């Protein structure tokens, strides 16, 4: 009896269930997770605050902007050093004192648009303490249009680009020349209107990356059919390629644009001359016709750069 009494006085061990152990571990894990989140949030907040303060310090420093420190994220391969300098000057002068206020940045954007070379400005910002970074899209010359006032380059939207040429500097243009357009040239940065311009420009874009493009001296848009639709001809040094109706109007009356381009490439591959060696090439019929040039064939119009 005594033994039983003493045994009953011993403290009994509490039995802890598996569920209780799991609950404790879960509580501890949640606490550690929350602590980690708080630490990461503090570090991220400090990093962002440091970045904001750094940018604010750069903006408020008003370091004068030097033209050579105006940089561009991407520049097209065709853009020469003269155009690049023009863009640098346009972007720099409104913020030359280093004041990158909203008003001055807007003036810099407008200045870039006024050059005629910029299609869209995405951003102008400081890149470090001394440099200005410009992100923009640019207008690429794809053709030139000859008029009595001169020869002017245009982009794929027929917007007139800066610079003008005369018949003595045709070799410097570097793109096909559209001749015999009806309307006079617009101001720089404005669209050159007219169905003849649109027709010639569409052909110019089709051949701009072809290996024979340098053999095309002029894209003539002076001819029309009975419905006044533009008929395009391509003039080489000695030959003539009669393209036919402008792209968009040809099919199904004529072979498709793809067929015409394929025919030109076949001729070029055989003769290494897109005019088959100074001949007349008709692309607009059921088959390609090649013949010798006659006196009454339509010759390339003279590029007159005198008064309008």
Protein backbone atom coordinates (compact mmCIF):
# COMPACT_ATOMS: atom_id res chain seq x y z
CA UNK A 1 0.00 0.00 0.00
CA UNK A 2 2.82 2.36 0.78
CA UNK A 3 4.41 1.74 -2.54
CA UNK A 4 1.18 2.47 -4.32
CA UNK A 5 0.77 5.72 -2.41
CA UNK A 6 4.27 6.93 -3.22
CA UNK A 7 3.87 6.03 -6.85
CA UNK A 8 0.74 8.08 -7.03
CA UNK A 9 2.62 11.18 -5.80
CA UNK A 10 5.19 11.16 -8.70
CA UNK A 11 4.63 13.86 -11.34
CA UNK A 12 3.20 12.45 -14.48
CA UNK A 13 4.71 13.33 -17.88
CA UNK A 14 2.46 15.31 -20.21
CA UNK A 15 1.87 13.58 -23.43
CA UNK A 16 2.29 15.92 -26.40
CA UNK A 17 0.49 14.89 -29.53
CA UNK A 18 2.00 14.99 -33.01
CA UNK A 19 -0.55 17.67 -33.92
CA UNK A 20 0.75 19.93 -31.17
CA UNK A 21 4.35 19.55 -32.30
CA UNK A 22 3.37 20.37 -35.86
CA UNK A 23 1.47 23.44 -34.68
CA UNK A 24 4.48 24.73 -32.75
CA UNK A 25 6.76 24.23 -35.71
CA UNK A 26 4.28 26.03 -37.96
CA UNK A 27 4.13 29.01 -35.59
CA UNK A 28 7.92 29.23 -35.44
CA UNK A 29 8.18 28.96 -39.24
CA UNK A 30 5.63 31.71 -39.78
CA UNK A 31 7.51 33.97 -37.36
CA UNK A 32 10.79 33.39 -39.20
CA UNK A 33 9.07 33.97 -42.58
CA UNK A 34 7.53 37.25 -41.41
CA UNK A 35 10.86 38.40 -40.02
CA UNK A 36 12.56 37.60 -43.32
CA UNK A 37 9.91 39.53 -45.24
CA UNK A 38 10.37 42.54 -42.98
CA UNK A 39 14.15 42.47 -43.41
CA UNK A 40 13.85 42.19 -47.20
CA UNK A 41 11.30 45.01 -47.30
CA UNK A 42 13.64 47.25 -45.30
CA UNK A 43 16.57 46.47 -47.62
CA UNK A 44 14.47 47.06 -50.75
CA UNK A 45 13.07 50.31 -49.33
CA UNK A 46 16.54 51.53 -48.51
CA UNK A 47 17.76 50.66 -52.02
CA UNK A 48 14.87 52.50 -53.68
CA UNK A 49 15.31 55.52 -51.43
CA UNK A 50 19.00 55.64 -52.25
CA UNK A 51 18.23 55.43 -55.97
CA UNK A 52 15.61 58.18 -55.80
CA UNK A 53 17.91 60.45 -53.81
CA UNK A 54 20.77 59.78 -56.23
CA UNK A 55 18.62 60.59 -59.26
CA UNK A 56 17.29 63.68 -57.56
CA UNK A 57 20.81 64.81 -56.81
CA UNK A 58 21.83 64.27 -60.43
CA UNK A 59 18.83 66.20 -61.75
CA UNK A 60 19.30 69.06 -59.34
CA UNK A 61 23.03 69.33 -60.03
CA UNK A 62 22.40 71.22 -63.32
CA UNK A 63 25.68 70.22 -64.92
CA UNK A 64 25.98 71.95 -68.34
CA UNK A 65 25.25 69.65 -71.27
CA UNK A 66 27.99 69.28 -73.88
CA UNK A 67 26.94 68.23 -77.41
CA UNK A 68 29.41 65.35 -77.44
CA UNK A 69 27.78 63.98 -74.28
CA UNK A 70 24.38 63.58 -75.94
CA UNK A 71 24.13 59.86 -76.67
CA UNK A 72 21.55 57.73 -78.48
CA UNK A 73 20.43 54.27 -77.42
CA UNK A 74 20.32 52.97 -80.99
CA UNK A 75 21.21 54.69 -84.24
CA UNK A 76 20.35 53.20 -87.67
CA UNK A 77 23.25 51.96 -89.78
CA UNK A 78 22.39 54.37 -92.58
CA UNK A 79 22.69 57.50 -90.43
CA UNK A 80 25.86 59.46 -91.20
CA UNK A 81 27.88 61.66 -88.86
CA UNK A 82 26.30 64.88 -90.15
CA UNK A 83 22.77 63.76 -89.28
CA UNK A 84 23.94 62.52 -85.90
CA UNK A 85 25.52 65.90 -85.12
CA UNK A 86 22.30 67.65 -86.14
CA UNK A 87 20.33 65.47 -83.73
CA UNK A 88 22.83 66.06 -80.91
CA UNK A 89 22.56 69.81 -81.35
CA UNK A 90 18.76 69.68 -81.46
CA UNK A 91 18.55 67.68 -78.24
CA UNK A 92 21.20 69.68 -76.38
CA UNK A 93 20.36 73.34 -76.84
CA UNK A 94 17.12 73.47 -74.73
CA UNK A 95 18.91 71.80 -71.80
CA UNK A 96 22.42 73.16 -72.33
CA UNK A 97 22.50 74.70 -68.84
CA UNK A 98 21.74 71.31 -67.29
CA UNK A 99 18.21 72.15 -66.22
CA UNK A 100 16.19 68.99 -66.94
CA UNK A 101 12.86 70.42 -65.93
CA UNK A 102 9.72 69.11 -67.60
CA UNK A 103 9.44 72.29 -69.69
CA UNK A 104 13.01 72.07 -70.99
CA UNK A 105 12.73 68.36 -71.74
CA UNK A 106 9.57 69.05 -73.73
CA UNK A 107 11.42 71.74 -75.69
CA UNK A 108 14.20 69.25 -76.39
CA UNK A 109 11.65 66.73 -77.71
CA UNK A 110 10.06 69.36 -79.96
CA UNK A 111 13.51 70.37 -81.21
CA UNK A 112 14.24 66.78 -82.24
CA UNK A 113 10.93 66.56 -84.11
CA UNK A 114 11.72 69.76 -85.99
CA UNK A 115 14.84 68.21 -87.52
CA UNK A 116 12.58 66.00 -89.64
CA UNK A 117 14.67 62.91 -88.87
CA UNK A 118 12.76 61.73 -85.78
CA UNK A 119 9.51 59.79 -85.97
CA UNK A 120 8.96 59.38 -82.21
CA UNK A 121 10.87 60.31 -79.05
CA UNK A 122 10.52 57.78 -76.23
CA UNK A 123 12.70 59.27 -73.50
CA UNK A 124 15.39 61.83 -72.68
CA UNK A 125 17.23 61.35 -69.40
CA UNK A 126 20.56 61.76 -67.67
CA UNK A 127 22.88 58.77 -67.92
CA UNK A 128 25.29 59.35 -65.05
CA UNK A 129 26.49 62.83 -64.14
CA UNK A 130 27.61 64.09 -67.56
CA UNK A 131 25.74 62.25 -70.32
CA UNK A 132 22.25 62.66 -71.76
CA UNK A 133 20.62 59.53 -73.22
CA UNK A 134 18.02 59.83 -76.00
CA UNK A 135 15.71 56.99 -76.99
CA UNK A 136 13.83 57.56 -80.26
CA UNK A 137 12.68 56.11 -83.60
CA UNK A 138 14.04 57.66 -86.79
CA UNK A 139 12.93 58.24 -90.36
CA UNK A 140 14.96 56.35 -92.95
CA UNK A 141 15.29 57.64 -96.53
CA UNK A 142 13.81 55.07 -98.92
CA UNK A 143 13.48 57.22 -102.05
CA UNK A 144 14.05 60.69 -103.45
CA UNK A 145 11.59 62.75 -105.47
CA UNK A 146 12.73 64.98 -108.32
CA UNK A 147 10.98 68.27 -108.91
CA UNK A 148 11.86 71.55 -110.62
CA UNK A 149 12.85 72.87 -107.18
CA UNK A 150 15.39 70.12 -106.58
CA UNK A 151 15.62 66.52 -105.46
CA UNK A 152 14.39 65.69 -101.96
CA UNK A 153 14.55 62.48 -99.98
CA UNK A 154 11.45 60.99 -98.33
CA UNK A 155 10.81 58.16 -95.89
CA UNK A 156 8.39 55.23 -96.30
CA UNK A 157 5.47 57.48 -95.27
CA UNK A 158 6.44 60.02 -97.99
CA UNK A 159 7.51 62.55 -95.33
CA UNK A 160 10.07 64.98 -96.75
CA UNK A 161 13.46 64.73 -95.04
CA UNK A 162 16.08 67.48 -94.60
CA UNK A 163 18.55 68.25 -97.36
CA UNK A 164 18.15 68.85 -101.08
CA UNK A 165 20.17 67.81 -104.11
CA UNK A 166 20.54 68.89 -107.71
CA UNK A 167 21.29 66.92 -110.86
CA UNK A 168 25.02 67.37 -110.23
CA UNK A 169 24.84 65.51 -106.91
CA UNK A 170 22.58 62.61 -107.89
CA UNK A 171 25.32 60.12 -107.07
CA UNK A 172 25.26 61.21 -103.42
CA UNK A 173 21.56 60.46 -102.85
CA UNK A 174 21.89 56.70 -102.39
CA UNK A 175 18.20 55.85 -102.95
CA UNK A 176 15.99 55.45 -106.06
CA UNK A 177 14.71 58.70 -107.57
CA UNK A 178 11.01 59.12 -108.39
CA UNK A 179 10.41 61.43 -111.36
CA UNK A 180 7.47 63.25 -112.95
CA UNK A 181 5.36 63.78 -109.82
CA UNK A 182 2.53 66.31 -110.09
CA UNK A 183 2.64 68.21 -106.78
CA UNK A 184 5.34 70.56 -105.52
CA UNK A 185 7.47 69.60 -102.49
CA UNK A 186 6.06 70.22 -98.99
CA UNK A 187 8.07 71.68 -96.09
CA UNK A 188 10.52 69.44 -94.24
CA UNK A 189 8.71 67.03 -91.93
CA UNK A 190 5.46 67.11 -93.92
CA UNK A 191 4.00 64.38 -96.14
CA UNK A 192 4.39 64.62 -99.91
CA UNK A 193 0.90 63.88 -101.21
CA UNK A 194 -0.27 62.46 -104.54
CA UNK A 195 -1.15 59.03 -105.94
CA UNK A 196 1.88 59.25 -108.22
CA UNK A 197 4.16 59.72 -105.20
CA UNK A 198 2.49 56.82 -103.40
CA UNK A 199 2.81 54.55 -106.44
CA UNK A 200 6.47 55.32 -107.05
CA UNK A 201 7.29 55.07 -103.35
CA UNK A 202 5.68 51.63 -103.04
CA UNK A 203 7.91 50.31 -105.84
CA UNK A 204 10.97 52.02 -104.34
CA UNK A 205 10.41 50.22 -101.05
CA UNK A 206 10.06 46.88 -102.83
CA UNK A 207 13.43 47.18 -104.57
CA UNK A 208 15.41 49.05 -101.92
CA UNK A 209 17.11 45.88 -100.60
CA UNK A 210 17.43 44.08 -103.94
CA UNK A 211 20.92 43.53 -105.40
CA UNK A 212 20.01 45.40 -108.59
CA UNK A 213 18.72 48.56 -106.89
CA UNK A 214 21.85 50.53 -107.84
CA UNK A 215 21.09 49.87 -111.53
CA UNK A 216 17.77 51.73 -111.28
CA UNK A 217 18.37 55.39 -112.11
CA UNK A 218 14.77 56.60 -111.95
CA UNK A 219 11.25 55.47 -111.11
CA UNK A 220 8.96 57.17 -113.62
CA UNK A 221 5.32 57.80 -112.59
CA UNK A 222 4.27 59.99 -115.52
CA UNK A 223 2.15 57.34 -117.26
CA UNK A 224 -1.46 56.37 -116.42
CA UNK A 225 -4.06 54.00 -117.84
CA UNK A 226 -7.56 54.90 -119.03
CA UNK A 227 -8.83 54.97 -115.43
CA UNK A 228 -6.03 57.39 -114.45
CA UNK A 229 -4.25 54.74 -112.43
CA UNK A 230 -0.49 55.19 -112.16
CA UNK A 231 1.69 52.98 -114.36
CA UNK A 232 5.28 52.71 -113.15
CA UNK A 233 8.42 52.39 -115.27
CA UNK A 234 11.98 51.81 -114.06
CA UNK A 235 14.77 53.45 -116.03
CA UNK A 236 18.30 52.07 -116.10
CA UNK A 237 21.32 53.59 -117.83
CA UNK A 238 20.41 52.06 -121.21
CA UNK A 239 17.23 50.07 -120.64
CA UNK A 240 13.62 50.35 -119.53
CA UNK A 241 11.54 48.13 -117.24
CA UNK A 242 7.79 48.59 -117.55
CA UNK A 243 6.46 47.55 -114.17
CA UNK A 244 2.80 48.28 -114.91
CA UNK A 245 0.16 49.35 -112.40
CA UNK A 246 1.41 50.42 -109.01
CA UNK A 247 1.29 47.82 -106.20
CA UNK A 248 -2.17 47.58 -104.75
CA UNK A 249 -3.83 48.23 -108.13
CA UNK A 250 -2.16 45.54 -110.25
CA UNK A 251 -3.67 42.28 -109.01
CA UNK A 252 -5.81 40.66 -110.43
CA UNK A 253 -5.47 42.76 -113.62
CA UNK A 254 -1.75 42.01 -113.79
CA UNK A 255 0.65 39.53 -112.19
CA UNK A 256 1.06 40.06 -108.47
CA UNK A 257 3.85 42.11 -106.98
CA UNK A 258 5.61 38.92 -105.85
CA UNK A 259 5.57 37.56 -109.41
CA UNK A 260 7.02 40.78 -110.81
CA UNK A 261 9.84 40.78 -108.26
CA UNK A 262 10.56 37.12 -109.04
CA UNK A 263 10.76 37.92 -112.75
CA UNK A 264 13.20 40.76 -112.12
CA UNK A 265 15.43 38.51 -110.03
CA UNK A 266 15.43 35.86 -112.76
CA UNK A 267 16.56 38.45 -115.31
CA UNK A 268 19.23 39.82 -112.99
CA UNK A 269 20.53 36.33 -112.20
CA UNK A 270 20.86 35.49 -115.89
CA UNK A 271 22.32 38.74 -117.28
CA UNK A 272 23.67 40.39 -114.11
CA UNK A 273 21.64 43.32 -115.38
CA UNK A 274 18.05 43.93 -114.39
CA UNK A 275 17.29 45.36 -117.86
CA UNK A 276 18.68 42.24 -119.63
CA UNK A 277 21.58 44.26 -121.00
CA UNK A 278 19.95 47.55 -122.01
CA UNK A 279 16.65 46.18 -123.32
CA UNK A 280 12.96 46.85 -122.67
CA UNK A 281 11.45 44.46 -120.14
CA UNK A 282 7.67 44.17 -119.74
CA UNK A 283 6.63 42.66 -116.40
CA UNK A 284 2.89 43.29 -116.44
CA UNK A 285 1.80 40.65 -118.99
CA UNK A 286 1.08 36.92 -118.65
CA UNK A 287 4.79 36.31 -119.36
CA UNK A 288 7.92 38.43 -119.26
CA UNK A 289 8.62 40.12 -122.59
CA UNK A 290 12.14 41.31 -123.46
CA UNK A 291 12.93 43.25 -126.64
CA UNK A 292 15.35 45.80 -128.01
CA UNK A 293 14.67 49.43 -127.23
CA UNK A 294 13.23 51.53 -130.05
CA UNK A 295 13.29 55.26 -130.62
CA UNK A 296 9.60 55.75 -129.79
CA UNK A 297 9.89 53.97 -126.41
CA UNK A 298 9.23 56.15 -123.42
CA UNK A 299 12.59 57.51 -122.32
CA UNK A 300 13.56 58.75 -118.90
CA UNK A 301 12.27 62.29 -118.32
CA UNK A 302 14.86 65.00 -117.86
CA UNK A 303 15.32 66.05 -114.23
CA UNK A 304 14.82 69.80 -114.33
CA UNK A 305 15.92 71.54 -111.16
CA UNK A 306 15.19 75.04 -112.38
CA UNK A 307 12.29 77.22 -111.26
CA UNK A 308 8.84 75.71 -110.73
